[in-house]
Amino acid sequence: MPTIAIVGAGPGMGLSIAKVFGDRGFDVALIARDKEKLDGLVARLAEQNITSAAFTADVMNRPALTTALDAAARHFGGIDVLEYSPAPHTATPGVEIAGALEVTPENLQPQIEYNLYGAVTAAGAVLPAMLDAGAGALLFTTGGGSVTPNPMFGNVNAAAAALRNWVLNLNNVLADKGLFAGHVAINVWIGGGGPEGFPSAEPDTIAARYWDLYERRDKAEVVFNG
């Protein structure tokens, strides 16, 4: 069985991506900081006959994230796809949103740690085995502001744009090694309930695009506008 590791797994996009890949024969490693929520996701996936397991780690704790991915690889016999999409449903200590005029090194650094450094750490944990096998895929998620900046999210957009740039560069050097790196920018409010006039979409609808990107590999980026 191939395995997808979802870093930042939650009841929204993480669960939907798990279902999309699980329905197509993948086992699922779920990684996030809240064990109780992860155990709930494992139970929900089991109801759909999808095999999964939970591994607890905070993406801002690089050693813990590496340890969790190593444990997932041992548990399932390897990781074939990495998907990185941490999105806090509760406040993350020290991580705040700042508008373009309010960005400082102090409020930008945690966003870089959360978005970029966490992603680089996760990739570093799985890439050596993928390179040895000559196969594998890495998928990374940001908001639409990584492509089309929104001044309200000045520090978030800057960190996400750095991640996007690295992913596109990564794909350029992996293409001739049998591997793929892709970026999904979600330019809608997930699940509805967002600001008036802002487009929204259900997680299951968005998750289908991840499978298309993984399977087709004909482009390195998808911008989901609804």
N, C-alpha and C. Protein backbone atom coordinates (compact mmCIF):
# COMPACT_ATOMS: atom_id res chain seq x y z
N MET A 1 0.83 -1.20 0.00
CA MET A 1 0.00 0.00 0.00
C MET A 1 0.88 1.26 0.00
N PRO A 2 0.61 2.22 -0.89
CA PRO A 2 1.32 3.49 -0.79
C PRO A 2 0.79 4.28 0.41
N THR A 3 1.57 5.23 0.87
CA THR A 3 1.21 6.02 2.05
C THR A 3 1.35 7.50 1.76
N ILE A 4 0.37 8.27 2.21
CA ILE A 4 0.46 9.72 2.20
C ILE A 4 0.57 10.20 3.64
N ALA A 5 1.52 11.10 3.89
CA ALA A 5 1.65 11.74 5.19
C ALA A 5 1.11 13.15 5.08
N ILE A 6 0.15 13.48 5.91
CA ILE A 6 -0.50 14.79 5.88
C ILE A 6 -0.06 15.56 7.13
N VAL A 7 0.73 16.59 6.91
CA VAL A 7 1.25 17.40 8.01
C VAL A 7 0.34 18.61 8.21
N GLY A 8 -0.17 18.74 9.43
CA GLY A 8 -1.15 19.78 9.70
C GLY A 8 -2.56 19.25 9.52
N ALA A 9 -2.73 17.95 9.72
CA ALA A 9 -4.03 17.31 9.49
C ALA A 9 -5.07 17.85 10.45
N GLY A 10 -6.24 18.14 9.91
CA GLY A 10 -7.36 18.61 10.71
C GLY A 10 -8.67 18.15 10.10
N PRO A 11 -9.78 18.57 10.65
CA PRO A 11 -11.09 18.10 10.19
C PRO A 11 -11.58 18.74 8.90
N GLY A 12 -10.81 19.67 8.35
CA GLY A 12 -11.18 20.32 7.10
C GLY A 12 -10.42 19.74 5.92
N MET A 13 -9.43 20.49 5.44
CA MET A 13 -8.69 20.05 4.27
C MET A 13 -7.92 18.77 4.52
N GLY A 14 -7.33 18.62 5.71
CA GLY A 14 -6.55 17.42 5.98
C GLY A 14 -7.38 16.16 5.86
N LEU A 15 -8.57 16.18 6.45
CA LEU A 15 -9.45 15.02 6.38
C LEU A 15 -9.89 14.77 4.95
N SER A 16 -10.21 15.81 4.22
CA SER A 16 -10.67 15.65 2.84
C SER A 16 -9.57 15.08 1.95
N ILE A 17 -8.35 15.57 2.12
CA ILE A 17 -7.23 15.03 1.34
C ILE A 17 -7.00 13.57 1.71
N ALA A 18 -7.11 13.25 3.00
CA ALA A 18 -6.96 11.86 3.43
C ALA A 18 -8.00 10.97 2.76
N LYS A 19 -9.23 11.43 2.66
CA LYS A 19 -10.28 10.64 2.04
C LYS A 19 -10.03 10.46 0.54
N VAL A 20 -9.59 11.52 -0.12
CA VAL A 20 -9.35 11.43 -1.57
C VAL A 20 -8.27 10.40 -1.86
N PHE A 21 -7.17 10.45 -1.12
CA PHE A 21 -6.09 9.50 -1.37
C PHE A 21 -6.43 8.13 -0.80
N GLY A 22 -7.07 8.10 0.36
CA GLY A 22 -7.44 6.82 0.96
C GLY A 22 -8.40 6.03 0.11
N ASP A 23 -9.33 6.71 -0.54
CA ASP A 23 -10.28 6.04 -1.43
C ASP A 23 -9.60 5.45 -2.65
N ARG A 24 -8.38 5.89 -2.91
CA ARG A 24 -7.64 5.38 -4.06
C ARG A 24 -6.51 4.45 -3.64
N GLY A 25 -6.63 3.89 -2.45
CA GLY A 25 -5.72 2.83 -2.03
C GLY A 25 -4.56 3.24 -1.16
N PHE A 26 -4.52 4.48 -0.70
CA PHE A 26 -3.42 4.94 0.15
C PHE A 26 -3.73 4.71 1.62
N ASP A 27 -2.71 4.32 2.38
CA ASP A 27 -2.75 4.46 3.83
C ASP A 27 -2.42 5.91 4.15
N VAL A 28 -2.81 6.35 5.36
CA VAL A 28 -2.68 7.76 5.69
C VAL A 28 -2.00 7.94 7.04
N ALA A 29 -0.92 8.72 7.06
CA ALA A 29 -0.27 9.14 8.30
C ALA A 29 -0.71 10.57 8.58
N LEU A 30 -1.32 10.78 9.74
CA LEU A 30 -1.85 12.09 10.11
C LEU A 30 -0.94 12.72 11.15
N ILE A 31 -0.46 13.93 10.89
CA ILE A 31 0.48 14.59 11.78
C ILE A 31 -0.04 15.98 12.14
N ALA A 32 -0.18 16.24 13.43
CA ALA A 32 -0.58 17.53 13.95
C ALA A 32 -0.24 17.57 15.43
N ARG A 33 -0.53 18.69 16.08
CA ARG A 33 -0.10 18.83 17.48
C ARG A 33 -1.14 18.35 18.48
N ASP A 34 -2.39 18.13 18.05
CA ASP A 34 -3.46 17.76 18.98
C ASP A 34 -3.81 16.28 18.83
N LYS A 35 -3.35 15.47 19.76
CA LYS A 35 -3.55 14.02 19.66
C LYS A 35 -5.03 13.64 19.69
N GLU A 36 -5.80 14.30 20.52
CA GLU A 36 -7.23 13.97 20.61
C GLU A 36 -7.94 14.16 19.28
N LYS A 37 -7.65 15.27 18.62
CA LYS A 37 -8.26 15.51 17.31
C LYS A 37 -7.77 14.50 16.27
N LEU A 38 -6.49 14.17 16.33
CA LEU A 38 -5.95 13.19 15.40
C LEU A 38 -6.63 11.83 15.58
N ASP A 39 -6.83 11.43 16.83
CA ASP A 39 -7.49 10.16 17.09
C ASP A 39 -8.91 10.17 16.55
N GLY A 40 -9.56 11.32 16.62
CA GLY A 40 -10.90 11.43 16.04
C GLY A 40 -10.89 11.28 14.53
N LEU A 41 -9.87 11.82 13.88
CA LEU A 41 -9.74 11.67 12.43
C LEU A 41 -9.48 10.22 12.04
N VAL A 42 -8.65 9.54 12.82
CA VAL A 42 -8.38 8.13 12.56
C VAL A 42 -9.68 7.33 12.63
N ALA A 43 -10.51 7.62 13.62
CA ALA A 43 -11.79 6.91 13.76
C ALA A 43 -12.71 7.21 12.58
N ARG A 44 -12.75 8.45 12.14
CA ARG A 44 -13.62 8.81 11.01
C ARG A 44 -13.16 8.14 9.73
N LEU A 45 -11.87 8.05 9.53
CA LEU A 45 -11.36 7.39 8.33
C LEU A 45 -11.62 5.88 8.38
N ALA A 46 -11.52 5.31 9.58
CA ALA A 46 -11.79 3.88 9.72
C ALA A 46 -13.22 3.54 9.32
N GLU A 47 -14.14 4.47 9.56
CA GLU A 47 -15.53 4.25 9.17
C GLU A 47 -15.68 4.13 7.66
N GLN A 48 -14.71 4.66 6.93
CA GLN A 48 -14.72 4.58 5.47
C GLN A 48 -13.70 3.56 4.96
N ASN A 49 -13.28 2.69 5.86
CA ASN A 49 -12.33 1.61 5.51
C ASN A 49 -11.01 2.14 4.98
N ILE A 50 -10.58 3.28 5.54
CA ILE A 50 -9.28 3.84 5.20
C ILE A 50 -8.36 3.66 6.40
N THR A 51 -7.22 3.03 6.17
CA THR A 51 -6.25 2.78 7.24
C THR A 51 -5.42 4.03 7.49
N SER A 52 -5.38 4.46 8.75
CA SER A 52 -4.59 5.64 9.09
C SER A 52 -4.01 5.47 10.49
N ALA A 53 -3.07 6.33 10.81
CA ALA A 53 -2.46 6.35 12.14
C ALA A 53 -2.05 7.77 12.45
N ALA A 54 -2.04 8.12 13.75
CA ALA A 54 -1.76 9.48 14.19
C ALA A 54 -0.36 9.59 14.76
N PHE A 55 0.30 10.70 14.46
CA PHE A 55 1.64 10.99 14.96
C PHE A 55 1.66 12.45 15.38
N THR A 56 1.94 12.70 16.64
CA THR A 56 1.81 14.05 17.19
C THR A 56 3.11 14.84 17.04
N ALA A 57 2.97 16.05 16.49
CA ALA A 57 4.12 16.95 16.38
C ALA A 57 3.63 18.35 16.06
N ASP A 58 4.32 19.34 16.56
CA ASP A 58 4.09 20.74 16.24
C ASP A 58 5.04 21.10 15.10
N VAL A 59 4.52 21.71 14.03
CA VAL A 59 5.38 22.02 12.88
C VAL A 59 6.47 23.03 13.22
N MET A 60 6.30 23.76 14.33
CA MET A 60 7.33 24.72 14.73
C MET A 60 8.41 24.08 15.60
N ASN A 61 8.24 22.81 15.88
CA ASN A 61 9.26 22.05 16.61
C ASN A 61 9.91 21.11 15.60
N ARG A 62 10.99 21.55 15.00
CA ARG A 62 11.58 20.80 13.88
C ARG A 62 12.02 19.39 14.26
N PRO A 63 12.70 19.20 15.38
CA PRO A 63 13.07 17.82 15.74
C PRO A 63 11.84 16.92 15.94
N ALA A 64 10.78 17.45 16.55
CA ALA A 64 9.58 16.65 16.78
C ALA A 64 8.91 16.30 15.45
N LEU A 65 8.91 17.24 14.52
CA LEU A 65 8.30 16.98 13.21
C LEU A 65 9.07 15.89 12.47
N THR A 66 10.38 15.98 12.50
CA THR A 66 11.21 14.94 11.86
C THR A 66 10.98 13.58 12.51
N THR A 67 10.91 13.57 13.84
CA THR A 67 10.66 12.33 14.56
C THR A 67 9.33 11.71 14.18
N ALA A 68 8.30 12.54 14.08
CA ALA A 68 6.97 12.04 13.72
C ALA A 68 6.96 11.45 12.32
N LEU A 69 7.61 12.10 11.38
CA LEU A 69 7.64 11.58 10.01
C LEU A 69 8.47 10.30 9.93
N ASP A 70 9.55 10.24 10.68
CA ASP A 70 10.34 9.00 10.73
C ASP A 70 9.51 7.85 11.30
N ALA A 71 8.73 8.15 12.35
CA ALA A 71 7.88 7.12 12.95
C ALA A 71 6.80 6.67 11.98
N ALA A 72 6.24 7.61 11.23
CA ALA A 72 5.22 7.26 10.25
C ALA A 72 5.80 6.37 9.16
N ALA A 73 7.01 6.69 8.71
CA ALA A 73 7.66 5.88 7.68
C ALA A 73 7.92 4.46 8.17
N ARG A 74 8.34 4.34 9.43
CA ARG A 74 8.56 3.00 9.99
C ARG A 74 7.24 2.24 10.12
N HIS A 75 6.22 2.93 10.55
CA HIS A 75 4.92 2.29 10.79
C HIS A 75 4.33 1.74 9.49
N PHE A 76 4.42 2.53 8.44
CA PHE A 76 3.78 2.14 7.18
C PHE A 76 4.75 1.54 6.16
N GLY A 77 6.02 1.53 6.49
CA GLY A 77 7.00 0.99 5.55
C GLY A 77 7.46 1.98 4.51
N GLY A 78 7.25 3.26 4.76
CA GLY A 78 7.68 4.31 3.84
C GLY A 78 6.60 5.35 3.64
N ILE A 79 7.00 6.48 3.06
CA ILE A 79 6.06 7.55 2.72
C ILE A 79 6.23 7.86 1.24
N ASP A 80 5.13 7.75 0.52
CA ASP A 80 5.16 7.96 -0.93
C ASP A 80 4.75 9.37 -1.34
N VAL A 81 3.90 9.97 -0.53
CA VAL A 81 3.44 11.34 -0.79
C VAL A 81 3.46 12.11 0.52
N LEU A 82 4.03 13.31 0.49
CA LEU A 82 3.97 14.23 1.62
C LEU A 82 3.04 15.37 1.24
N GLU A 83 2.11 15.69 2.14
CA GLU A 83 1.27 16.87 1.93
C GLU A 83 1.40 17.76 3.16
N TYR A 84 1.76 19.03 2.94
CA TYR A 84 2.03 19.96 4.03
C TYR A 84 1.03 21.10 3.98
N SER A 85 0.18 21.19 5.00
CA SER A 85 -0.84 22.24 4.99
C SER A 85 -1.27 22.62 6.40
N PRO A 86 -0.36 23.07 7.24
CA PRO A 86 -0.78 23.47 8.58
C PRO A 86 -1.64 24.72 8.53
N ALA A 87 -2.77 24.68 9.19
CA ALA A 87 -3.67 25.83 9.24
C ALA A 87 -4.33 25.82 10.60
N PRO A 88 -3.93 26.69 11.50
CA PRO A 88 -4.43 26.61 12.88
C PRO A 88 -5.92 26.89 12.99
N HIS A 89 -6.64 25.97 13.64
CA HIS A 89 -8.05 26.19 13.94
C HIS A 89 -8.19 26.84 15.31
N THR A 90 -7.13 26.83 16.08
CA THR A 90 -7.06 27.55 17.34
C THR A 90 -5.78 28.37 17.32
N ALA A 91 -5.70 29.33 18.20
CA ALA A 91 -4.54 30.23 18.21
C ALA A 91 -3.24 29.46 18.40
N THR A 92 -2.26 29.83 17.62
CA THR A 92 -0.92 29.26 17.76
C THR A 92 -0.06 30.28 18.49
N PRO A 93 0.43 29.96 19.67
CA PRO A 93 1.20 30.93 20.45
C PRO A 93 2.34 31.54 19.65
N GLY A 94 2.39 32.86 19.65
CA GLY A 94 3.48 33.56 18.99
C GLY A 94 3.29 33.80 17.51
N VAL A 95 2.24 33.22 16.93
CA VAL A 95 2.00 33.39 15.49
C VAL A 95 0.79 34.31 15.33
N GLU A 96 1.04 35.49 14.80
CA GLU A 96 -0.04 36.46 14.62
C GLU A 96 -0.05 36.98 13.19
N ILE A 97 -1.18 37.53 12.79
CA ILE A 97 -1.33 38.09 11.45
C ILE A 97 -1.09 39.59 11.51
N ALA A 98 -0.34 40.10 10.54
CA ALA A 98 -0.06 41.53 10.49
C ALA A 98 -0.28 42.04 9.08
N GLY A 99 -0.90 43.22 8.97
CA GLY A 99 -1.08 43.86 7.67
C GLY A 99 0.25 44.33 7.10
N ALA A 100 0.23 44.69 5.83
CA ALA A 100 1.47 45.02 5.12
C ALA A 100 2.26 46.13 5.82
N LEU A 101 1.57 47.13 6.37
CA LEU A 101 2.25 48.23 7.02
C LEU A 101 2.73 47.88 8.43
N GLU A 102 2.20 46.80 8.97
CA GLU A 102 2.54 46.42 10.34
C GLU A 102 3.57 45.30 10.42
N VAL A 103 4.06 44.83 9.29
CA VAL A 103 5.02 43.72 9.29
C VAL A 103 6.34 44.17 9.93
N THR A 104 6.82 43.35 10.83
CA THR A 104 8.12 43.58 11.47
C THR A 104 8.90 42.26 11.44
N PRO A 105 10.20 42.32 11.63
CA PRO A 105 10.94 41.06 11.72
C PRO A 105 10.39 40.15 12.80
N GLU A 106 9.88 40.75 13.89
CA GLU A 106 9.40 39.95 15.01
C GLU A 106 8.11 39.20 14.68
N ASN A 107 7.18 39.80 13.92
CA ASN A 107 5.95 39.06 13.60
C ASN A 107 6.05 38.29 12.29
N LEU A 108 7.10 38.56 11.51
CA LEU A 108 7.31 37.79 10.28
C LEU A 108 8.03 36.47 10.56
N GLN A 109 8.98 36.49 11.48
CA GLN A 109 9.78 35.29 11.75
C GLN A 109 8.92 34.08 12.12
N PRO A 110 7.91 34.20 13.02
CA PRO A 110 7.09 33.02 13.32
C PRO A 110 6.32 32.50 12.11
N GLN A 111 5.89 33.38 11.23
CA GLN A 111 5.20 32.94 10.02
C GLN A 111 6.15 32.17 9.09
N ILE A 112 7.38 32.63 9.01
CA ILE A 112 8.37 31.91 8.21
C ILE A 112 8.65 30.54 8.83
N GLU A 113 8.74 30.50 10.15
CA GLU A 113 8.97 29.22 10.84
C GLU A 113 7.81 28.27 10.58
N TYR A 114 6.61 28.80 10.67
CA TYR A 114 5.39 27.99 10.54
C TYR A 114 5.20 27.48 9.11
N ASN A 115 5.36 28.37 8.16
CA ASN A 115 5.10 28.02 6.76
C ASN A 115 6.32 27.41 6.07
N LEU A 116 7.40 28.16 6.03
CA LEU A 116 8.55 27.74 5.21
C LEU A 116 9.44 26.73 5.92
N TYR A 117 9.88 27.03 7.13
CA TYR A 117 10.82 26.13 7.79
C TYR A 117 10.18 24.79 8.11
N GLY A 118 8.91 24.81 8.48
CA GLY A 118 8.22 23.54 8.73
C GLY A 118 8.15 22.69 7.48
N ALA A 119 7.86 23.34 6.35
CA ALA A 119 7.78 22.61 5.08
C ALA A 119 9.13 22.05 4.67
N VAL A 120 10.18 22.85 4.82
CA VAL A 120 11.52 22.39 4.46
C VAL A 120 11.94 21.23 5.36
N THR A 121 11.59 21.33 6.65
CA THR A 121 11.90 20.25 7.59
C THR A 121 11.18 18.96 7.20
N ALA A 122 9.89 19.07 6.89
CA ALA A 122 9.12 17.89 6.51
C ALA A 122 9.68 17.25 5.25
N ALA A 123 10.00 18.08 4.27
CA ALA A 123 10.56 17.54 3.03
C ALA A 123 11.90 16.86 3.29
N GLY A 124 12.71 17.46 4.15
CA GLY A 124 14.00 16.88 4.46
C GLY A 124 13.91 15.51 5.12
N ALA A 125 12.79 15.28 5.80
CA ALA A 125 12.62 13.99 6.47
C ALA A 125 12.25 12.87 5.50
N VAL A 126 11.60 13.21 4.40
CA VAL A 126 11.12 12.16 3.48
C VAL A 126 11.89 12.09 2.17
N LEU A 127 12.57 13.16 1.80
CA LEU A 127 13.23 13.19 0.48
C LEU A 127 14.33 12.15 0.29
N PRO A 128 15.19 11.91 1.28
CA PRO A 128 16.27 10.94 1.02
C PRO A 128 15.75 9.57 0.57
N ALA A 129 14.71 9.06 1.22
CA ALA A 129 14.17 7.75 0.82
C ALA A 129 13.51 7.83 -0.54
N MET A 130 12.83 8.96 -0.82
CA MET A 130 12.21 9.12 -2.14
C MET A 130 13.27 9.16 -3.24
N LEU A 131 14.35 9.87 -2.98
CA LEU A 131 15.42 9.96 -3.98
C LEU A 131 16.07 8.60 -4.21
N ASP A 132 16.24 7.84 -3.14
CA ASP A 132 16.80 6.50 -3.28
C ASP A 132 15.88 5.62 -4.13
N ALA A 133 14.56 5.78 -3.94
CA ALA A 133 13.59 4.97 -4.68
C ALA A 133 13.33 5.49 -6.08
N GLY A 134 13.69 6.74 -6.32
CA GLY A 134 13.41 7.35 -7.63
C GLY A 134 11.93 7.57 -7.86
N ALA A 135 11.17 7.78 -6.77
CA ALA A 135 9.72 7.98 -6.88
C ALA A 135 9.23 8.70 -5.63
N GLY A 136 8.17 9.47 -5.80
CA GLY A 136 7.57 10.16 -4.67
C GLY A 136 7.03 11.50 -5.09
N ALA A 137 6.21 12.09 -4.23
CA ALA A 137 5.62 13.39 -4.51
C ALA A 137 5.51 14.19 -3.22
N LEU A 138 5.68 15.50 -3.36
CA LEU A 138 5.55 16.41 -2.24
C LEU A 138 4.57 17.51 -2.65
N LEU A 139 3.53 17.69 -1.86
CA LEU A 139 2.50 18.68 -2.14
C LEU A 139 2.44 19.68 -0.99
N PHE A 140 2.39 20.96 -1.32
CA PHE A 140 2.40 22.00 -0.30
C PHE A 140 1.24 22.97 -0.53
N THR A 141 0.66 23.43 0.56
CA THR A 141 -0.53 24.27 0.49
C THR A 141 -0.25 25.65 1.07
N THR A 142 -0.74 26.68 0.39
CA THR A 142 -0.75 28.03 0.95
C THR A 142 -2.09 28.67 0.62
N GLY A 143 -2.31 29.86 1.17
CA GLY A 143 -3.46 30.64 0.75
C GLY A 143 -3.17 31.34 -0.56
N GLY A 144 -4.21 31.86 -1.17
CA GLY A 144 -4.06 32.52 -2.46
C GLY A 144 -3.16 33.74 -2.42
N GLY A 145 -2.95 34.30 -1.22
CA GLY A 145 -2.08 35.47 -1.09
C GLY A 145 -0.64 35.20 -1.42
N SER A 146 -0.24 33.94 -1.50
CA SER A 146 1.14 33.63 -1.92
C SER A 146 1.36 33.98 -3.38
N VAL A 147 0.27 34.02 -4.14
CA VAL A 147 0.32 34.35 -5.57
C VAL A 147 -0.16 35.78 -5.81
N THR A 148 -1.31 36.11 -5.23
CA THR A 148 -1.89 37.45 -5.34
C THR A 148 -2.02 38.02 -3.94
N PRO A 149 -1.07 38.82 -3.49
CA PRO A 149 -1.03 39.25 -2.09
C PRO A 149 -2.27 40.04 -1.67
N ASN A 150 -2.64 39.85 -0.40
CA ASN A 150 -3.72 40.59 0.24
C ASN A 150 -3.10 41.40 1.37
N PRO A 151 -3.21 42.74 1.33
CA PRO A 151 -2.53 43.57 2.33
C PRO A 151 -2.89 43.24 3.77
N MET A 152 -4.08 42.64 4.00
CA MET A 152 -4.48 42.27 5.36
C MET A 152 -3.56 41.21 5.95
N PHE A 153 -2.95 40.41 5.09
CA PHE A 153 -2.13 39.28 5.54
C PHE A 153 -0.67 39.49 5.13
N GLY A 154 -0.14 40.65 5.45
CA GLY A 154 1.19 41.02 4.97
C GLY A 154 2.27 40.04 5.35
N ASN A 155 2.33 39.64 6.61
CA ASN A 155 3.40 38.72 7.01
C ASN A 155 3.12 37.29 6.58
N VAL A 156 1.84 36.89 6.59
CA VAL A 156 1.48 35.54 6.13
C VAL A 156 1.82 35.38 4.65
N ASN A 157 1.43 36.37 3.85
CA ASN A 157 1.68 36.30 2.41
C ASN A 157 3.17 36.23 2.10
N ALA A 158 3.98 36.98 2.84
CA ALA A 158 5.42 36.99 2.58
C ALA A 158 6.02 35.60 2.84
N ALA A 159 5.62 34.97 3.95
CA ALA A 159 6.14 33.64 4.26
C ALA A 159 5.63 32.60 3.28
N ALA A 160 4.34 32.70 2.92
CA ALA A 160 3.76 31.74 1.99
C ALA A 160 4.36 31.88 0.60
N ALA A 161 4.66 33.11 0.19
CA ALA A 161 5.28 33.33 -1.12
C ALA A 161 6.69 32.72 -1.15
N ALA A 162 7.39 32.79 -0.04
CA ALA A 162 8.71 32.16 0.04
C ALA A 162 8.59 30.65 -0.11
N LEU A 163 7.58 30.07 0.54
CA LEU A 163 7.36 28.63 0.40
C LEU A 163 7.03 28.28 -1.05
N ARG A 164 6.13 29.05 -1.65
CA ARG A 164 5.77 28.79 -3.05
C ARG A 164 7.00 28.82 -3.95
N ASN A 165 7.85 29.82 -3.79
CA ASN A 165 9.03 29.94 -4.63
C ASN A 165 9.93 28.72 -4.48
N TRP A 166 10.12 28.28 -3.24
CA TRP A 166 10.97 27.11 -2.99
C TRP A 166 10.39 25.84 -3.61
N VAL A 167 9.07 25.67 -3.49
CA VAL A 167 8.43 24.47 -4.05
C VAL A 167 8.59 24.42 -5.56
N LEU A 168 8.38 25.55 -6.22
CA LEU A 168 8.52 25.56 -7.68
C LEU A 168 9.96 25.28 -8.09
N ASN A 169 10.90 25.83 -7.33
CA ASN A 169 12.31 25.52 -7.59
C ASN A 169 12.61 24.05 -7.34
N LEU A 170 12.03 23.52 -6.25
CA LEU A 170 12.25 22.12 -5.91
C LEU A 170 11.77 21.21 -7.04
N ASN A 171 10.61 21.51 -7.58
CA ASN A 171 10.10 20.68 -8.66
C ASN A 171 11.03 20.69 -9.88
N ASN A 172 11.64 21.84 -10.12
CA ASN A 172 12.55 21.94 -11.27
C ASN A 172 13.72 20.97 -11.16
N VAL A 173 14.21 20.76 -9.94
CA VAL A 173 15.37 19.87 -9.79
C VAL A 173 14.98 18.42 -9.54
N LEU A 174 13.71 18.19 -9.20
CA LEU A 174 13.26 16.81 -8.96
C LEU A 174 12.71 16.13 -10.21
N ALA A 175 12.34 16.93 -11.20
CA ALA A 175 11.63 16.40 -12.35
C ALA A 175 12.38 15.27 -13.05
N ASP A 176 13.70 15.38 -13.13
CA ASP A 176 14.47 14.34 -13.84
C ASP A 176 14.92 13.22 -12.90
N LYS A 177 14.40 13.23 -11.67
CA LYS A 177 14.76 12.20 -10.70
C LYS A 177 13.59 11.28 -10.36
N GLY A 178 12.48 11.44 -11.11
CA GLY A 178 11.32 10.61 -10.88
C GLY A 178 10.39 11.13 -9.79
N LEU A 179 10.68 12.31 -9.23
CA LEU A 179 9.88 12.88 -8.16
C LEU A 179 9.12 14.10 -8.65
N PHE A 180 8.17 14.53 -7.85
CA PHE A 180 7.33 15.68 -8.21
C PHE A 180 7.08 16.53 -6.97
N ALA A 181 7.15 17.84 -7.13
CA ALA A 181 6.76 18.77 -6.06
C ALA A 181 5.71 19.72 -6.64
N GLY A 182 4.61 19.88 -5.91
CA GLY A 182 3.52 20.72 -6.39
C GLY A 182 3.02 21.65 -5.31
N HIS A 183 2.44 22.77 -5.75
CA HIS A 183 1.94 23.81 -4.84
C HIS A 183 0.47 24.07 -5.15
N VAL A 184 -0.34 24.10 -4.09
CA VAL A 184 -1.75 24.46 -4.21
C VAL A 184 -2.00 25.73 -3.43
N ALA A 185 -2.45 26.77 -4.11
CA ALA A 185 -2.81 28.03 -3.47
C ALA A 185 -4.34 28.09 -3.42
N ILE A 186 -4.88 28.11 -2.22
CA ILE A 186 -6.34 28.11 -2.04
C ILE A 186 -6.82 29.54 -1.88
N ASN A 187 -7.51 30.04 -2.89
CA ASN A 187 -7.92 31.43 -2.94
C ASN A 187 -9.41 31.58 -2.64
N VAL A 188 -9.91 30.72 -1.76
CA VAL A 188 -11.31 30.78 -1.34
C VAL A 188 -11.37 30.55 0.17
N TRP A 189 -12.51 30.86 0.75
CA TRP A 189 -12.74 30.56 2.16
C TRP A 189 -13.20 29.12 2.25
N ILE A 190 -12.50 28.31 3.02
CA ILE A 190 -12.79 26.88 3.06
C ILE A 190 -13.99 26.60 3.95
N GLY A 191 -15.02 25.98 3.37
CA GLY A 191 -16.18 25.56 4.14
C GLY A 191 -17.24 26.61 4.35
N GLY A 192 -17.08 27.77 3.77
CA GLY A 192 -18.09 28.82 3.94
C GLY A 192 -17.90 29.59 5.22
N GLY A 193 -18.76 30.56 5.42
CA GLY A 193 -18.72 31.36 6.63
C GLY A 193 -17.67 32.45 6.63
N GLY A 194 -17.12 32.77 5.47
CA GLY A 194 -16.09 33.79 5.40
C GLY A 194 -16.67 35.18 5.24
N PRO A 195 -15.84 36.17 4.96
CA PRO A 195 -16.31 37.54 4.78
C PRO A 195 -17.32 37.65 3.63
N GLU A 196 -18.23 38.57 3.77
CA GLU A 196 -19.25 38.76 2.73
C GLU A 196 -18.59 39.08 1.39
N GLY A 197 -19.04 38.38 0.36
CA GLY A 197 -18.50 38.59 -0.97
C GLY A 197 -17.26 37.79 -1.30
N PHE A 198 -16.71 37.11 -0.30
CA PHE A 198 -15.50 36.31 -0.53
C PHE A 198 -15.93 34.91 -0.96
N PRO A 199 -15.39 34.38 -2.05
CA PRO A 199 -15.81 33.05 -2.51
C PRO A 199 -15.45 31.96 -1.52
N SER A 200 -16.24 30.90 -1.52
CA SER A 200 -15.97 29.77 -0.62
C SER A 200 -16.13 28.47 -1.38
N ALA A 201 -15.61 27.40 -0.80
CA ALA A 201 -15.73 26.07 -1.39
C ALA A 201 -15.58 25.04 -0.29
N GLU A 202 -16.20 23.88 -0.50
CA GLU A 202 -16.12 22.82 0.47
C GLU A 202 -14.78 22.09 0.35
N PRO A 203 -14.25 21.60 1.48
CA PRO A 203 -12.95 20.92 1.46
C PRO A 203 -12.89 19.76 0.48
N ASP A 204 -13.95 18.97 0.38
CA ASP A 204 -13.92 17.82 -0.53
C ASP A 204 -13.73 18.26 -1.98
N THR A 205 -14.32 19.40 -2.33
CA THR A 205 -14.19 19.91 -3.70
C THR A 205 -12.75 20.32 -3.98
N ILE A 206 -12.15 20.99 -3.01
CA ILE A 206 -10.76 21.43 -3.18
C ILE A 206 -9.81 20.24 -3.21
N ALA A 207 -10.06 19.26 -2.33
CA ALA A 207 -9.16 18.11 -2.21
C ALA A 207 -9.03 17.33 -3.51
N ALA A 208 -10.08 17.32 -4.30
CA ALA A 208 -10.03 16.59 -5.57
C ALA A 208 -8.93 17.14 -6.47
N ARG A 209 -8.62 18.43 -6.34
CA ARG A 209 -7.58 19.02 -7.17
C ARG A 209 -6.19 18.53 -6.78
N TYR A 210 -6.03 18.14 -5.52
CA TYR A 210 -4.75 17.59 -5.08
C TYR A 210 -4.47 16.27 -5.80
N TRP A 211 -5.50 15.44 -5.91
CA TRP A 211 -5.31 14.17 -6.61
C TRP A 211 -4.99 14.42 -8.08
N ASP A 212 -5.68 15.35 -8.69
CA ASP A 212 -5.40 15.67 -10.10
C ASP A 212 -3.96 16.12 -10.27
N LEU A 213 -3.50 17.00 -9.38
CA LEU A 213 -2.14 17.50 -9.47
C LEU A 213 -1.14 16.37 -9.30
N TYR A 214 -1.40 15.51 -8.32
CA TYR A 214 -0.51 14.37 -8.06
C TYR A 214 -0.47 13.39 -9.23
N GLU A 215 -1.63 13.08 -9.77
CA GLU A 215 -1.72 12.06 -10.80
C GLU A 215 -1.21 12.55 -12.15
N ARG A 216 -1.56 13.77 -12.51
CA ARG A 216 -1.21 14.26 -13.85
C ARG A 216 0.23 14.80 -13.92
N ARG A 217 0.63 15.53 -12.91
CA ARG A 217 1.99 16.08 -12.85
C ARG A 217 2.35 16.87 -14.10
N ASP A 218 1.36 17.51 -14.69
CA ASP A 218 1.61 18.28 -15.90
C ASP A 218 1.88 19.76 -15.62
N LYS A 219 1.77 20.14 -14.36
CA LYS A 219 2.10 21.49 -13.93
C LYS A 219 2.46 21.41 -12.45
N ALA A 220 3.19 22.41 -11.98
CA ALA A 220 3.67 22.39 -10.61
C ALA A 220 2.79 23.18 -9.67
N GLU A 221 1.75 23.82 -10.19
CA GLU A 221 0.96 24.70 -9.34
C GLU A 221 -0.50 24.73 -9.75
N VAL A 222 -1.36 24.74 -8.74
CA VAL A 222 -2.79 24.96 -8.94
C VAL A 222 -3.22 26.12 -8.05
N VAL A 223 -3.91 27.08 -8.62
CA VAL A 223 -4.53 28.15 -7.84
C VAL A 223 -6.02 27.90 -7.86
N PHE A 224 -6.57 27.56 -6.70
CA PHE A 224 -7.99 27.21 -6.61
C PHE A 224 -8.79 28.49 -6.31
N ASN A 225 -9.59 28.89 -7.30
CA ASN A 225 -10.42 30.09 -7.17
C ASN A 225 -11.90 29.76 -7.04
N GLY A 226 -12.22 28.46 -6.91
CA GLY A 226 -13.62 28.08 -6.78
C GLY A 226 -14.14 27.44 -8.06
